[in-house]
PDB file of N, CA and C in Angstrom:
ATOM      1  N   MET A   1      -1.366   3.521  20.369  1.00  0.00           N
ATOM      2  CA  MET A   1      -1.923   3.479  19.060  1.00  0.00           C
ATOM      3  C   MET A   1      -2.005   1.851  18.577  1.00  0.00           C
ATOM      4  N   SER A   2      -3.073   1.602  18.151  1.00  0.00           N
ATOM      5  CA  SER A   2      -3.439   0.384  17.706  1.00  0.00           C
ATOM      6  C   SER A   2      -3.474   0.158  16.068  1.00  0.00           C
ATOM      7  N   VAL A   3      -2.463  -0.276  15.546  1.00  0.00           N
ATOM      8  CA  VAL A   3      -2.434  -0.212  14.067  1.00  0.00           C
ATOM      9  C   VAL A   3      -2.476  -1.900  13.603  1.00  0.00           C
ATOM     10  N   THR A   4      -3.460  -2.156  12.925  1.00  0.00           N
ATOM     11  CA  THR A   4      -3.721  -3.499  12.342  1.00  0.00           C
ATOM     12  C   THR A   4      -3.603  -3.716  10.862  1.00  0.00           C
ATOM     13  N   LEU A   5      -3.626  -4.812  10.316  1.00  0.00           N
ATOM     14  CA  LEU A   5      -3.732  -5.078   8.926  1.00  0.00           C
ATOM     15  C   LEU A   5      -5.090  -4.535   8.343  1.00  0.00           C
ATOM     16  N   ASN A   6      -5.067  -3.842   7.214  1.00  0.00           N
ATOM     17  CA  ASN A   6      -6.208  -3.428   6.577  1.00  0.00           C
ATOM     18  C   ASN A   6      -6.527  -4.698   5.571  1.00  0.00           C
ATOM     19  N   LYS A   7      -7.095  -5.718   5.978  1.00  0.00           N
ATOM     20  CA  LYS A   7      -7.279  -6.977   5.037  1.00  0.00           C
ATOM     21  C   LYS A   7      -7.842  -6.520   3.567  1.00  0.00           C
ATOM     22  N   ARG A   8      -8.784  -5.502   3.600  1.00  0.00           N
ATOM     23  CA  ARG A   8      -9.407  -5.216   2.403  1.00  0.00           C
ATOM     24  C   ARG A   8      -8.538  -4.472   1.399  1.00  0.00           C
ATOM     25  N   ALA A   9      -7.582  -3.851   2.008  1.00  0.00           N
ATOM     26  CA  ALA A   9      -6.398  -3.163   1.216  1.00  0.00           C
ATOM     27  C   ALA A   9      -5.396  -4.131   0.647  1.00  0.00           C
ATOM     28  N   ALA A  10      -5.123  -5.338   1.602  1.00  0.00           N
ATOM     29  CA  ALA A  10      -4.178  -6.290   1.008  1.00  0.00           C
ATOM     30  C   ALA A  10      -4.666  -6.985  -0.124  1.00  0.00           C
ATOM     31  N   ASP A  11      -6.077  -7.330  -0.016  1.00  0.00           N
ATOM     32  CA  ASP A  11      -6.738  -7.953  -0.956  1.00  0.00           C
ATOM     33  C   ASP A  11      -6.873  -7.252  -2.284  1.00  0.00           C
ATOM     34  N   HIS A  12      -7.000  -5.859  -2.161  1.00  0.00           N
ATOM     35  CA  HIS A  12      -7.208  -5.144  -3.192  1.00  0.00           C
ATOM     36  C   HIS A  12      -5.777  -5.029  -4.014  1.00  0.00           C
ATOM     37  N   ALA A  13      -4.609  -4.960  -3.185  1.00  0.00           N
ATOM     38  CA  ALA A  13      -3.219  -4.959  -3.822  1.00  0.00           C
ATOM     39  C   ALA A  13      -2.943  -6.212  -4.433  1.00  0.00           C
ATOM     40  N   LYS A  14      -3.560  -7.417  -3.875  1.00  0.00           N
ATOM     41  CA  LYS A  14      -3.311  -8.603  -4.636  1.00  0.00           C
ATOM     42  C   LYS A  14      -3.919  -8.744  -5.838  1.00  0.00           C
ATOM     43  N   LYS A  15      -5.207  -8.247  -5.892  1.00  0.00           N
ATOM     44  CA  LYS A  15      -5.948  -8.196  -7.027  1.00  0.00           C
ATOM     45  C   LYS A  15      -5.371  -7.392  -8.097  1.00  0.00           C
ATOM     46  N   LEU A  16      -4.812  -6.356  -7.813  1.00  0.00           N
ATOM     47  CA  LEU A  16      -4.289  -5.430  -8.719  1.00  0.00           C
ATOM     48  C   LEU A  16      -2.897  -5.943  -9.373  1.00  0.00           C
ATOM     49  N   ALA A  17      -2.171  -6.701  -8.427  1.00  0.00           N
ATOM     50  CA  ALA A  17      -0.983  -7.455  -8.856  1.00  0.00           C
ATOM     51  C   ALA A  17      -1.248  -8.605  -9.843  1.00  0.00           C
ATOM     52  N   GLN A  18      -2.392  -9.348  -9.440  1.00  0.00           N
ATOM     53  CA  GLN A  18      -2.783 -10.351 -10.408  1.00  0.00           C
ATOM     54  C   GLN A  18      -3.249  -9.672 -11.753  1.00  0.00           C
ATOM     55  N   GLU A  19      -3.766  -8.597 -11.808  1.00  0.00           N
ATOM     56  CA  GLU A  19      -4.336  -7.866 -13.026  1.00  0.00           C
ATOM     57  C   GLU A  19      -3.147  -7.386 -13.896  1.00  0.00           C
ATOM     58  N   GLY A  20      -2.012  -7.295 -13.334  1.00  0.00           N
ATOM     59  CA  GLY A  20      -0.820  -6.545 -13.871  1.00  0.00           C
ATOM     60  C   GLY A  20      -0.747  -5.003 -13.552  1.00  0.00           C
ATOM     61  N   LYS A  21      -1.544  -4.537 -12.727  1.00  0.00           N
ATOM     62  CA  LYS A  21      -1.641  -3.152 -12.385  1.00  0.00           C
ATOM     63  C   LYS A  21      -0.737  -2.736 -11.417  1.00  0.00           C
ATOM     64  N   VAL A  22       0.745  -2.839 -11.875  1.00  0.00           N
ATOM     65  CA  VAL A  22       1.713  -2.565 -10.913  1.00  0.00           C
ATOM     66  C   VAL A  22       2.703  -1.801 -11.568  1.00  0.00           C
ATOM     67  N   VAL A  23       3.708  -1.155 -10.729  1.00  0.00           N
ATOM     68  CA  VAL A  23       4.812  -0.603 -11.138  1.00  0.00           C
ATOM     69  C   VAL A  23       6.028  -1.244 -10.544  1.00  0.00           C
ATOM     70  N   LEU A  24       6.773  -1.823 -11.280  1.00  0.00           N
ATOM     71  CA  LEU A  24       7.927  -2.751 -10.731  1.00  0.00           C
ATOM     72  C   LEU A  24       9.240  -1.935 -10.415  1.00  0.00           C
ATOM     73  N   ASP A  25       9.186  -0.834  -9.667  1.00  0.00           N
ATOM     74  CA  ASP A  25      10.325  -0.048  -9.242  1.00  0.00           C
ATOM     75  C   ASP A  25      11.211  -0.535  -8.227  1.00  0.00           C
ATOM     76  N   GLU A  26      12.099   0.489  -7.819  1.00  0.00           N
ATOM     77  CA  GLU A  26      13.129   0.256  -6.946  1.00  0.00           C
ATOM     78  C   GLU A  26      12.636   0.782  -5.547  1.00  0.00           C
ATOM     79  N   ARG A  27      13.104   0.186  -4.200  1.00  0.00           N
ATOM     80  CA  ARG A  27      12.646   0.636  -3.105  1.00  0.00           C
ATOM     81  C   ARG A  27      12.764   2.190  -2.879  1.00  0.00           C
ATOM     82  N   ASP A  28      14.015   2.755  -3.136  1.00  0.00           N
ATOM     83  CA  ASP A  28      14.148   4.228  -2.918  1.00  0.00           C
ATOM     84  C   ASP A  28      13.355   5.221  -3.686  1.00  0.00           C
ATOM     85  N   GLN A  29      12.641   4.585  -4.816  1.00  0.00           N
ATOM     86  CA  GLN A  29      11.723   5.517  -5.495  1.00  0.00           C
ATOM     87  C   GLN A  29      10.373   5.816  -4.953  1.00  0.00           C
ATOM     88  N   TRP A  30      10.146   5.296  -3.773  1.00  0.00           N
ATOM     89  CA  TRP A  30       8.744   5.606  -3.255  1.00  0.00           C
ATOM     90  C   TRP A  30       8.566   7.151  -2.943  1.00  0.00           C
ATOM     91  N   SER A  31       9.663   7.608  -2.620  1.00  0.00           N
ATOM     92  CA  SER A  31       9.346   9.104  -2.066  1.00  0.00           C
ATOM     93  C   SER A  31       9.215   9.985  -3.302  1.00  0.00           C
ATOM     94  N   GLU A  32       9.477   9.480  -4.498  1.00  0.00           N
ATOM     95  CA  GLU A  32       9.116  10.258  -5.790  1.00  0.00           C
ATOM     96  C   GLU A  32       7.746   9.727  -6.380  1.00  0.00           C
ATOM     97  N   HIS A  33       7.326   8.634  -5.928  1.00  0.00           N
ATOM     98  CA  HIS A  33       6.197   7.840  -6.632  1.00  0.00           C
ATOM     99  C   HIS A  33       4.975   7.933  -5.683  1.00  0.00           C
ATOM    100  N   GLN A  34       5.215   8.205  -4.422  1.00  0.00           N
ATOM    101  CA  GLN A  34       3.951   8.235  -3.602  1.00  0.00           C
ATOM    102  C   GLN A  34       3.135   9.504  -3.928  1.00  0.00           C
ATOM    103  N   PRO A  35       1.859   9.293  -3.829  1.00  0.00           N
ATOM    104  CA  PRO A  35       1.014  10.528  -4.102  1.00  0.00           C
ATOM    105  C   PRO A  35       1.235  11.505  -2.981  1.00  0.00           C
ATOM    106  N   SER A  36       1.024  12.774  -3.617  1.00  0.00           N
ATOM    107  CA  SER A  36       1.257  13.811  -2.818  1.00  0.00           C
ATOM    108  C   SER A  36       0.004  14.327  -1.882  1.00  0.00           C
ATOM    109  N   ALA A  37       0.071  15.064  -1.030  1.00  0.00           N
ATOM    110  CA  ALA A  37      -1.163  15.382  -0.118  1.00  0.00           C
ATOM    111  C   ALA A  37      -2.402  15.984  -0.996  1.00  0.00           C
ATOM    112  N   GLN A  38      -1.928  16.682  -1.939  1.00  0.00           N
ATOM    113  CA  GLN A  38      -2.821  17.364  -3.020  1.00  0.00           C
ATOM    114  C   GLN A  38      -3.661  16.147  -3.836  1.00  0.00           C
ATOM    115  N   GLN A  39      -2.811  15.154  -4.269  1.00  0.00           N
ATOM    116  CA  GLN A  39      -3.389  14.067  -4.830  1.00  0.00           C
ATOM    117  C   GLN A  39      -4.269  13.375  -4.205  1.00  0.00           C
ATOM    118  N   GLU A  40      -3.671  13.005  -2.557  1.00  0.00           N
ATOM    119  CA  GLU A  40      -4.611  12.242  -1.919  1.00  0.00           C
ATOM    120  C   GLU A  40      -6.032  13.019  -1.559  1.00  0.00           C
ATOM    121  N   ASN A  41      -5.882  14.381  -1.555  1.00  0.00           N
ATOM    122  CA  ASN A  41      -7.106  15.146  -1.157  1.00  0.00           C
ATOM    123  C   ASN A  41      -8.173  15.115  -2.467  1.00  0.00           C
ATOM    124  N   GLU A  42      -7.592  15.186  -3.613  1.00  0.00           N
ATOM    125  CA  GLU A  42      -8.415  14.989  -4.939  1.00  0.00           C
ATOM    126  C   GLU A  42      -8.993  13.594  -4.961  1.00  0.00           C
ATOM    127  N   TYR A  43      -8.415  12.468  -4.481  1.00  0.00           N
ATOM    128  CA  TYR A  43      -8.776  11.157  -4.750  1.00  0.00           C
ATOM    129  C   TYR A  43      -9.951  10.967  -3.665  1.00  0.00           C
ATOM    130  N   ILE A  44      -9.645  11.574  -2.479  1.00  0.00           N
ATOM    131  CA  ILE A  44     -10.723  11.528  -1.370  1.00  0.00           C
ATOM    132  C   ILE A  44     -12.131  12.119  -1.919  1.00  0.00           C
ATOM    133  N   LYS A  45     -11.896  13.381  -2.503  1.00  0.00           N
ATOM    134  CA  LYS A  45     -12.917  14.305  -3.075  1.00  0.00           C
ATOM    135  C   LYS A  45     -13.764  13.310  -4.025  1.00  0.00           C
ATOM    136  N   GLN A  46     -12.942  12.690  -4.981  1.00  0.00           N
ATOM    137  CA  GLN A  46     -13.557  12.117  -6.077  1.00  0.00           C
ATOM    138  C   GLN A  46     -14.309  10.750  -5.754  1.00  0.00           C
ATOM    139  N   HIS A  47     -13.603   9.988  -4.802  1.00  0.00           N
ATOM    140  CA  HIS A  47     -13.957   8.667  -4.577  1.00  0.00           C
ATOM    141  C   HIS A  47     -14.313   8.440  -3.135  1.00  0.00           C
ATOM    142  N   GLY A  48     -14.084   9.102  -2.255  1.00  0.00           N
ATOM    143  CA  GLY A  48     -14.518   8.807  -0.923  1.00  0.00           C
ATOM    144  C   GLY A  48     -13.455   8.219   0.072  1.00  0.00           C
ATOM    145  N   TRP A  49     -13.690   7.955   1.352  1.00  0.00           N
ATOM    146  CA  TRP A  49     -12.722   7.523   2.310  1.00  0.00           C
ATOM    147  C   TRP A  49     -12.538   6.104   2.241  1.00  0.00           C
ATOM    148  N   ALA A  50     -13.726   5.379   1.846  1.00  0.00           N
ATOM    149  CA  ALA A  50     -13.601   3.777   1.670  1.00  0.00           C
ATOM    150  C   ALA A  50     -12.760   3.428   0.581  1.00  0.00           C
ATOM    151  N   GLN A  51     -12.713   4.139  -0.666  1.00  0.00           N
ATOM    152  CA  GLN A  51     -11.881   3.862  -1.787  1.00  0.00           C
ATOM    153  C   GLN A  51     -10.429   4.243  -1.401  1.00  0.00           C
ATOM    154  N   TYR A  52     -10.361   5.399  -0.756  1.00  0.00           N
ATOM    155  CA  TYR A  52      -8.950   5.940  -0.298  1.00  0.00           C
ATOM    156  C   TYR A  52      -8.356   4.768   0.536  1.00  0.00           C
ATOM    157  N   GLY A  53      -9.078   4.228   1.360  1.00  0.00           N
ATOM    158  CA  GLY A  53      -8.500   3.279   2.294  1.00  0.00           C
ATOM    159  C   GLY A  53      -7.961   1.835   1.856  1.00  0.00           C
ATOM    160  N   ARG A  54      -8.680   1.591   0.561  1.00  0.00           N
ATOM    161  CA  ARG A  54      -8.021   0.376  -0.062  1.00  0.00           C
ATOM    162  C   ARG A  54      -6.597   0.619  -0.463  1.00  0.00           C
ATOM    163  N   TRP A  55      -5.956   1.676  -0.280  1.00  0.00           N
ATOM    164  CA  TRP A  55      -4.534   1.987  -0.730  1.00  0.00           C
ATOM    165  C   TRP A  55      -3.565   1.952   0.189  1.00  0.00           C
ATOM    166  N   TYR A  56      -4.205   1.414   1.454  1.00  0.00           N
ATOM    167  CA  TYR A  56      -3.268   1.645   2.849  1.00  0.00           C
ATOM    168  C   TYR A  56      -3.488   0.208   3.491  1.00  0.00           C
ATOM    169  N   LEU A  57      -2.179  -0.419   3.672  1.00  0.00           N
ATOM    170  CA  LEU A  57      -2.201  -1.690   4.350  1.00  0.00           C
ATOM    171  C   LEU A  57      -2.479  -1.820   5.690  1.00  0.00           C
ATOM    172  N   GLY A  58      -2.413  -0.615   6.427  1.00  0.00           N
ATOM    173  CA  GLY A  58      -2.655  -0.491   7.860  1.00  0.00           C
ATOM    174  C   GLY A  58      -3.692   0.490   8.220  1.00  0.00           C
ATOM    175  N   ILE A  59      -4.369   0.268   9.318  1.00  0.00           N
ATOM    176  CA  ILE A  59      -5.405   1.183   9.991  1.00  0.00           C
ATOM    177  C   ILE A  59      -5.144   1.310  11.431  1.00  0.00           C
ATOM    178  N   ASP A  60      -5.385   2.473  11.542  1.00  0.00           N
ATOM    179  CA  ASP A  60      -5.086   2.988  13.182  1.00  0.00           C
ATOM    180  C   ASP A  60      -6.440   2.930  13.736  1.00  0.00           C
ATOM    181  N   ASP A  61      -6.884   2.184  14.606  1.00  0.00           N
ATOM    182  CA  ASP A  61      -8.243   2.092  15.166  1.00  0.00           C
ATOM    183  C   ASP A  61      -8.508   3.218  16.171  1.00  0.00           C
ATOM    184  N   GLU A  62      -7.644   4.002  16.570  1.00  0.00           N
ATOM    185  CA  GLU A  62      -7.754   5.087  17.545  1.00  0.00           C
ATOM    186  C   GLU A  62      -7.978   6.292  16.780  1.00  0.00           C
ATOM    187  N   LYS A  63      -7.889   6.375  15.415  1.00  0.00           N
ATOM    188  CA  LYS A  63      -8.107   7.531  14.527  1.00  0.00           C
ATOM    189  C   LYS A  63      -9.497   7.457  13.831  1.00  0.00           C
ATOM    190  N   ASP A  64     -10.138   8.522  13.777  1.00  0.00           N
ATOM    191  CA  ASP A  64     -11.489   8.486  13.017  1.00  0.00           C
ATOM    192  C   ASP A  64     -11.349   7.915  11.596  1.00  0.00           C
ATOM    193  N   GLU A  65     -12.250   7.199  11.110  1.00  0.00           N
ATOM    194  CA  GLU A  65     -11.993   6.561   9.638  1.00  0.00           C
ATOM    195  C   GLU A  65     -12.036   7.663   8.628  1.00  0.00           C
ATOM    196  N   ASP A  66     -12.627   8.750   8.860  1.00  0.00           N
ATOM    197  CA  ASP A  66     -12.798   9.821   7.780  1.00  0.00           C
ATOM    198  C   ASP A  66     -11.546  10.766   8.048  1.00  0.00           C
ATOM    199  N   THR A  67     -10.418  10.167   8.477  1.00  0.00           N
ATOM    200  CA  THR A  67      -9.068  11.188   8.552  1.00  0.00           C
ATOM    201  C   THR A  67      -7.965  10.194   7.939  1.00  0.00           C
ATOM    202  N   LYS A  68      -7.029  11.086   7.411  1.00  0.00           N
ATOM    203  CA  LYS A  68      -5.725  10.408   6.915  1.00  0.00           C
ATOM    204  C   LYS A  68      -5.169   9.711   7.678  1.00  0.00           C
ATOM    205  N   GLY A  69      -5.022  10.189   9.104  1.00  0.00           N
ATOM    206  CA  GLY A  69      -4.454   9.571  10.318  1.00  0.00           C
ATOM    207  C   GLY A  69      -4.788   8.047  10.478  1.00  0.00           C
ATOM    208  N   HIS A  70      -5.965   7.714   9.864  1.00  0.00           N
ATOM    209  CA  HIS A  70      -6.550   6.340  10.217  1.00  0.00           C
ATOM    210  C   HIS A  70      -5.851   5.330   9.467  1.00  0.00           C
ATOM    211  N   TYR A  71      -5.228   5.926   8.275  1.00  0.00           N
ATOM    212  CA  TYR A  71      -4.632   4.856   7.228  1.00  0.00           C
ATOM    213  C   TYR A  71      -3.221   5.095   7.306  1.00  0.00           C
ATOM    214  N   LYS A  72      -2.508   3.825   7.262  1.00  0.00           N
ATOM    215  CA  LYS A  72      -0.997   3.836   7.375  1.00  0.00           C
ATOM    216  C   LYS A  72      -0.551   2.930   6.437  1.00  0.00           C
ATOM    217  N   PHE A  73       0.810   3.120   5.945  1.00  0.00           N
ATOM    218  CA  PHE A  73       1.414   2.075   4.995  1.00  0.00           C
ATOM    219  C   PHE A  73       0.756   2.133   3.631  1.00  0.00           C
ATOM    220  N   PRO A  74       0.927   3.276   2.866  1.00  0.00           N
ATOM    221  CA  PRO A  74       0.416   3.147   1.554  1.00  0.00           C
ATOM    222  C   PRO A  74       1.208   2.253   0.692  1.00  0.00           C
ATOM    223  N   ASP A  75       0.533   1.727  -0.501  1.00  0.00           N
ATOM    224  CA  ASP A  75       1.286   0.761  -1.301  1.00  0.00           C
ATOM    225  C   ASP A  75       1.210   1.121  -2.862  1.00  0.00           C
ATOM    226  N   GLY A  76       0.426   2.218  -3.141  1.00  0.00           N
ATOM    227  CA  GLY A  76       0.362   2.549  -4.567  1.00  0.00           C
ATOM    228  C   GLY A  76      -0.092   4.111  -4.861  1.00  0.00           C
ATOM    229  N   ASP A  77      -0.345   4.190  -6.048  1.00  0.00           N
ATOM    230  CA  ASP A  77      -0.713   5.633  -6.543  1.00  0.00           C
ATOM    231  C   ASP A  77      -2.002   5.973  -6.939  1.00  0.00           C
ATOM    232  N   PHE A  78      -2.940   5.205  -6.324  1.00  0.00           N
ATOM    233  CA  PHE A  78      -4.319   5.114  -6.654  1.00  0.00           C
ATOM    234  C   PHE A  78      -4.738   4.664  -8.063  1.00  0.00           C
ATOM    235  N   GLU A  79      -3.664   4.107  -8.790  1.00  0.00           N
ATOM    236  CA  GLU A  79      -4.016   3.288  -9.925  1.00  0.00           C
ATOM    237  C   GLU A  79      -3.349   1.966 -10.088  1.00  0.00           C
ATOM    238  N   ASN A  80      -1.937   2.093  -9.584  1.00  0.00           N
ATOM    239  CA  ASN A  80      -1.182   0.881  -9.448  1.00  0.00           C
ATOM    240  C   ASN A  80      -0.582   0.564  -8.181  1.00  0.00           C
ATOM    241  N   VAL A  81      -0.413  -0.686  -7.771  1.00  0.00           N
ATOM    242  CA  VAL A  81       0.539  -0.973  -6.662  1.00  0.00           C
ATOM    243  C   VAL A  81       1.990  -0.839  -7.222  1.00  0.00           C
ATOM    244  N   HIS A  82       2.685  -0.177  -6.207  1.00  0.00           N
ATOM    245  CA  HIS A  82       4.041   0.066  -6.392  1.00  0.00           C
ATOM    246  C   HIS A  82       4.997  -0.665  -5.603  1.00  0.00           C
ATOM    247  N   ARG A  83       5.922  -1.620  -6.346  1.00  0.00           N
ATOM    248  CA  ARG A  83       6.861  -2.314  -5.596  1.00  0.00           C
ATOM    249  C   ARG A  83       7.490  -1.602  -4.584  1.00  0.00           C
ATOM    250  N   CYS A  84       7.928  -0.275  -4.868  1.00  0.00           N
ATOM    251  CA  CYS A  84       8.769   0.409  -3.907  1.00  0.00           C
ATOM    252  C   CYS A  84       7.790   0.817  -2.573  1.00  0.00           C
ATOM    253  N   GLY A  85       6.559   1.109  -2.828  1.00  0.00           N
ATOM    254  CA  GLY A  85       5.521   1.316  -1.750  1.00  0.00           C
ATOM    255  C   GLY A  85       5.442   0.083  -0.813  1.00  0.00           C
ATOM    256  N   VAL A  86       5.422  -1.028  -1.463  1.00  0.00           N
ATOM    257  CA  VAL A  86       5.231  -2.448  -0.823  1.00  0.00           C
ATOM    258  C   VAL A  86       6.459  -2.662   0.222  1.00  0.00           C
ATOM    259  N   ILE A  87       7.582  -2.361  -0.467  1.00  0.00           N
ATOM    260  CA  ILE A  87       8.844  -2.645   0.159  1.00  0.00           C
ATOM    261  C   ILE A  87       8.925  -1.747   1.508  1.00  0.00           C
ATOM    262  N   SER A  88       8.668  -0.407   1.042  1.00  0.00           N
ATOM    263  CA  SER A  88       8.668   0.616   2.195  1.00  0.00           C
ATOM    264  C   SER A  88       7.697   0.164   3.287  1.00  0.00           C
ATOM    265  N   ALA A  89       6.645  -0.240   2.956  1.00  0.00           N
ATOM    266  CA  ALA A  89       5.623  -0.551   3.977  1.00  0.00           C
ATOM    267  C   ALA A  89       6.021  -1.856   4.641  1.00  0.00           C
ATOM    268  N   GLU A  90       6.647  -2.758   4.037  1.00  0.00           N
ATOM    269  CA  GLU A  90       7.151  -4.105   4.766  1.00  0.00           C
ATOM    270  C   GLU A  90       8.231  -3.645   5.754  1.00  0.00           C
ATOM    271  N   VAL A  91       9.410  -2.633   5.313  1.00  0.00           N
ATOM    272  CA  VAL A  91      10.306  -2.352   6.339  1.00  0.00           C
ATOM    273  C   VAL A  91       9.787  -1.468   7.530  1.00  0.00           C
ATOM    274  N   ARG A  92       8.936  -0.637   7.097  1.00  0.00           N
ATOM    275  CA  ARG A  92       8.511   0.182   8.401  1.00  0.00           C
ATOM    276  C   ARG A  92       7.711  -0.640   9.226  1.00  0.00           C
ATOM    277  N   ALA A  93       6.806  -1.478   8.573  1.00  0.00           N
ATOM    278  CA  ALA A  93       6.132  -2.337   9.544  1.00  0.00           C
ATOM    279  C   ALA A  93       6.821  -3.375  10.549  1.00  0.00           C
ATOM    280  N   ALA A  94       7.984  -3.835   9.845  1.00  0.00           N
ATOM    281  CA  ALA A  94       8.929  -4.573  10.696  1.00  0.00           C
ATOM    282  C   ALA A  94       9.548  -3.827  11.732  1.00  0.00           C
ATOM    283  N   GLN A  95       9.932  -2.791  11.572  1.00  0.00           N
ATOM    284  CA  GLN A  95      10.516  -1.676  12.359  1.00  0.00           C
ATOM    285  C   GLN A  95       9.549  -1.299  13.691  1.00  0.00           C
ATOM    286  N   ARG A  96       8.313  -1.381  13.451  1.00  0.00           N
ATOM    287  CA  ARG A  96       7.304  -0.923  14.311  1.00  0.00           C
ATOM    288  C   ARG A  96       6.715  -2.145  14.898  1.00  0.00           C
ATOM    289  N   LYS A  97       7.226  -3.232  14.399  1.00  0.00           N
ATOM    290  CA  LYS A  97       6.593  -4.582  14.984  1.00  0.00           C
ATOM    291  C   LYS A  97       5.174  -4.805  14.694  1.00  0.00           C
ATOM    292  N   TYR A  98       4.642  -4.432  13.585  1.00  0.00           N
ATOM    293  CA  TYR A  98       3.293  -4.582  13.250  1.00  0.00           C
ATOM    294  C   TYR A  98       3.485  -5.918  12.191  1.00  0.00           C
ATOM    295  N   VAL A  99       3.388  -7.111  12.834  1.00  0.00           N
ATOM    296  CA  VAL A  99       3.781  -8.260  12.183  1.00  0.00           C
ATOM    297  C   VAL A  99       2.932  -8.731  11.248  1.00  0.00           C
ATOM    298  N   ASP A 100       1.412  -8.397  11.333  1.00  0.00           N
ATOM    299  CA  ASP A 100       0.454  -8.626  10.351  1.00  0.00           C
ATOM    300  C   ASP A 100       0.666  -7.755   9.017  1.00  0.00           C
ATOM    301  N   ILE A 101       1.001  -6.658   9.246  1.00  0.00           N
ATOM    302  CA  ILE A 101       1.203  -5.840   8.121  1.00  0.00           C
ATOM    303  C   ILE A 101       2.511  -6.277   7.396  1.00  0.00           C
ATOM    304  N   GLU A 102       3.609  -6.432   8.114  1.00  0.00           N
ATOM    305  CA  GLU A 102       4.813  -6.877   7.542  1.00  0.00           C
ATOM    306  C   GLU A 102       4.454  -8.268   6.787  1.00  0.00           C
ATOM    307  N   VAL A 103       3.888  -9.183   7.324  1.00  0.00           N
ATOM    308  CA  VAL A 103       3.658 -10.384   6.607  1.00  0.00           C
ATOM    309  C   VAL A 103       2.963 -10.112   5.217  1.00  0.00           C
ATOM    310  N   ALA A 104       1.893  -9.333   5.398  1.00  0.00           N
ATOM    311  CA  ALA A 104       1.110  -9.135   4.245  1.00  0.00           C
ATOM    312  C   ALA A 104       1.827  -8.412   3.101  1.00  0.00           C
ATOM    313  N   ALA A 105       2.683  -7.521   3.555  1.00  0.00           N
ATOM    314  CA  ALA A 105       3.632  -6.733   2.673  1.00  0.00           C
ATOM    315  C   ALA A 105       4.652  -7.577   1.921  1.00  0.00           C
ATOM    316  N   ALA A 106       5.175  -8.464   2.925  1.00  0.00           N
ATOM    317  CA  ALA A 106       6.099  -9.422   2.507  1.00  0.00           C
ATOM    318  C   ALA A 106       5.548 -10.420   1.303  1.00  0.00           C
ATOM    319  N   HIS A 107       4.315 -10.792   1.507  1.00  0.00           N
ATOM    320  CA  HIS A 107       3.801 -11.721   0.506  1.00  0.00           C
ATOM    321  C   HIS A 107       3.544 -10.692  -0.864  1.00  0.00           C
ATOM    322  N   LEU A 108       3.036  -9.636  -0.620  1.00  0.00           N
ATOM    323  CA  LEU A 108       2.886  -8.774  -1.788  1.00  0.00           C
ATOM    324  C   LEU A 108       4.249  -8.558  -2.614  1.00  0.00           C
ATOM    325  N   HIS A 109       5.168  -8.383  -1.691  1.00  0.00           N
ATOM    326  CA  HIS A 109       6.526  -8.115  -2.375  1.00  0.00           C
ATOM    327  C   HIS A 109       6.953  -9.417  -3.243  1.00  0.00           C
ATOM    328  N   GLY A 110       6.907 -10.510  -2.473  1.00  0.00           N
ATOM    329  CA  GLY A 110       7.101 -11.661  -3.267  1.00  0.00           C
ATOM    330  C   GLY A 110       6.172 -11.922  -4.504  1.00  0.00           C
ATOM    331  N   MET A 111       4.901 -11.538  -4.675  1.00  0.00           N
ATOM    332  CA  MET A 111       4.300 -11.580  -5.805  1.00  0.00           C
ATOM    333  C   MET A 111       4.826 -10.670  -6.831  1.00  0.00           C
ATOM    334  N   LEU A 112       5.137  -9.467  -6.438  1.00  0.00           N
ATOM    335  CA  LEU A 112       5.652  -8.475  -7.439  1.00  0.00           C
ATOM    336  C   LEU A 112       6.992  -8.765  -7.941  1.00  0.00           C
ATOM    337  N   ASP A 113       7.859  -9.437  -7.215  1.00  0.00           N
ATOM    338  CA  ASP A 113       9.148 -10.105  -7.613  1.00  0.00           C
ATOM    339  C   ASP A 113       9.046 -11.118  -8.516  1.00  0.00           C
ATOM    340  N   GLU A 114       7.936 -11.963  -8.391  1.00  0.00           N
ATOM    341  CA  GLU A 114       7.657 -13.065  -9.279  1.00  0.00           C
ATOM    342  C   GLU A 114       7.173 -12.527 -10.613  1.00  0.00           C
ATOM    343  N   LEU A 115       6.295 -11.508 -10.439  1.00  0.00           N
ATOM    344  CA  LEU A 115       5.854 -10.927 -11.751  1.00  0.00           C
ATOM    345  C   LEU A 115       6.956 -10.293 -12.584  1.00  0.00           C
ATOM    346  N   ALA A 116       7.854  -9.557 -11.619  1.00  0.00           N
ATOM    347  CA  ALA A 116       9.111  -8.976 -12.349  1.00  0.00           C
ATOM    348  C   ALA A 116      10.004  -9.934 -13.207  1.00  0.00           C
ATOM    349  N   ALA A 117      10.171 -11.134 -12.513  1.00  0.00           N
ATOM    350  CA  ALA A 117      10.891 -12.196 -13.118  1.00  0.00           C
ATOM    351  C   ALA A 117      10.218 -12.767 -14.287  1.00  0.00           C
ATOM    352  N   THR A 118       8.961 -12.885 -14.299  1.00  0.00           N
ATOM    353  CA  THR A 118       8.234 -13.326 -15.419  1.00  0.00           C
ATOM    354  C   THR A 118       8.352 -12.288 -16.657  1.00  0.00           C
ATOM    355  N   ARG A 119       8.160 -11.112 -16.206  1.00  0.00           N
ATOM    356  CA  ARG A 119       8.246 -10.086 -17.375  1.00  0.00           C
ATOM    357  C   ARG A 119       9.831 -10.142 -17.868  1.00  0.00           C
ATOM    358  N   ARG A 120      10.641 -10.461 -17.194  1.00  0.00           N
ATOM    359  CA  ARG A 120      12.123 -10.228 -17.742  1.00  0.00           C
ATOM    360  C   ARG A 120      12.446 -11.579 -18.667  1.00  0.00           C
ATOM    361  N   SER A 121      11.729 -12.848 -18.349  1.00  0.00           N
ATOM    362  CA  SER A 121      12.171 -13.788 -19.223  1.00  0.00           C
ATOM    363  C   SER A 121      11.432 -13.961 -20.607  1.00  0.00           C
TER     364      SER A 121
END
């Protein structure tokens, strides 16, 4: 399996963070916050695969682009980037040694932590 950074998704997440379209939650909340399969299917139906892909920091070159299996490491709920999703992606990418994805997620994690600190002060 050849999983690499989805630069378009990383840029999309950075833009959303800069716009304040974030949920500054805790890591262990991702299982509750990530979209369900039904929500994913509805999003694909309404917006298509290209827009769906913007929410996944990794892509698997060995899977067809028009399948969910092509997209790895989700970071949001199709409206906002979630801190818990970014942290989960960062940890999972590190475990699987996908360094480019890990680094991108760590950068996003830092952006979100800075935003959280700014909001608290």
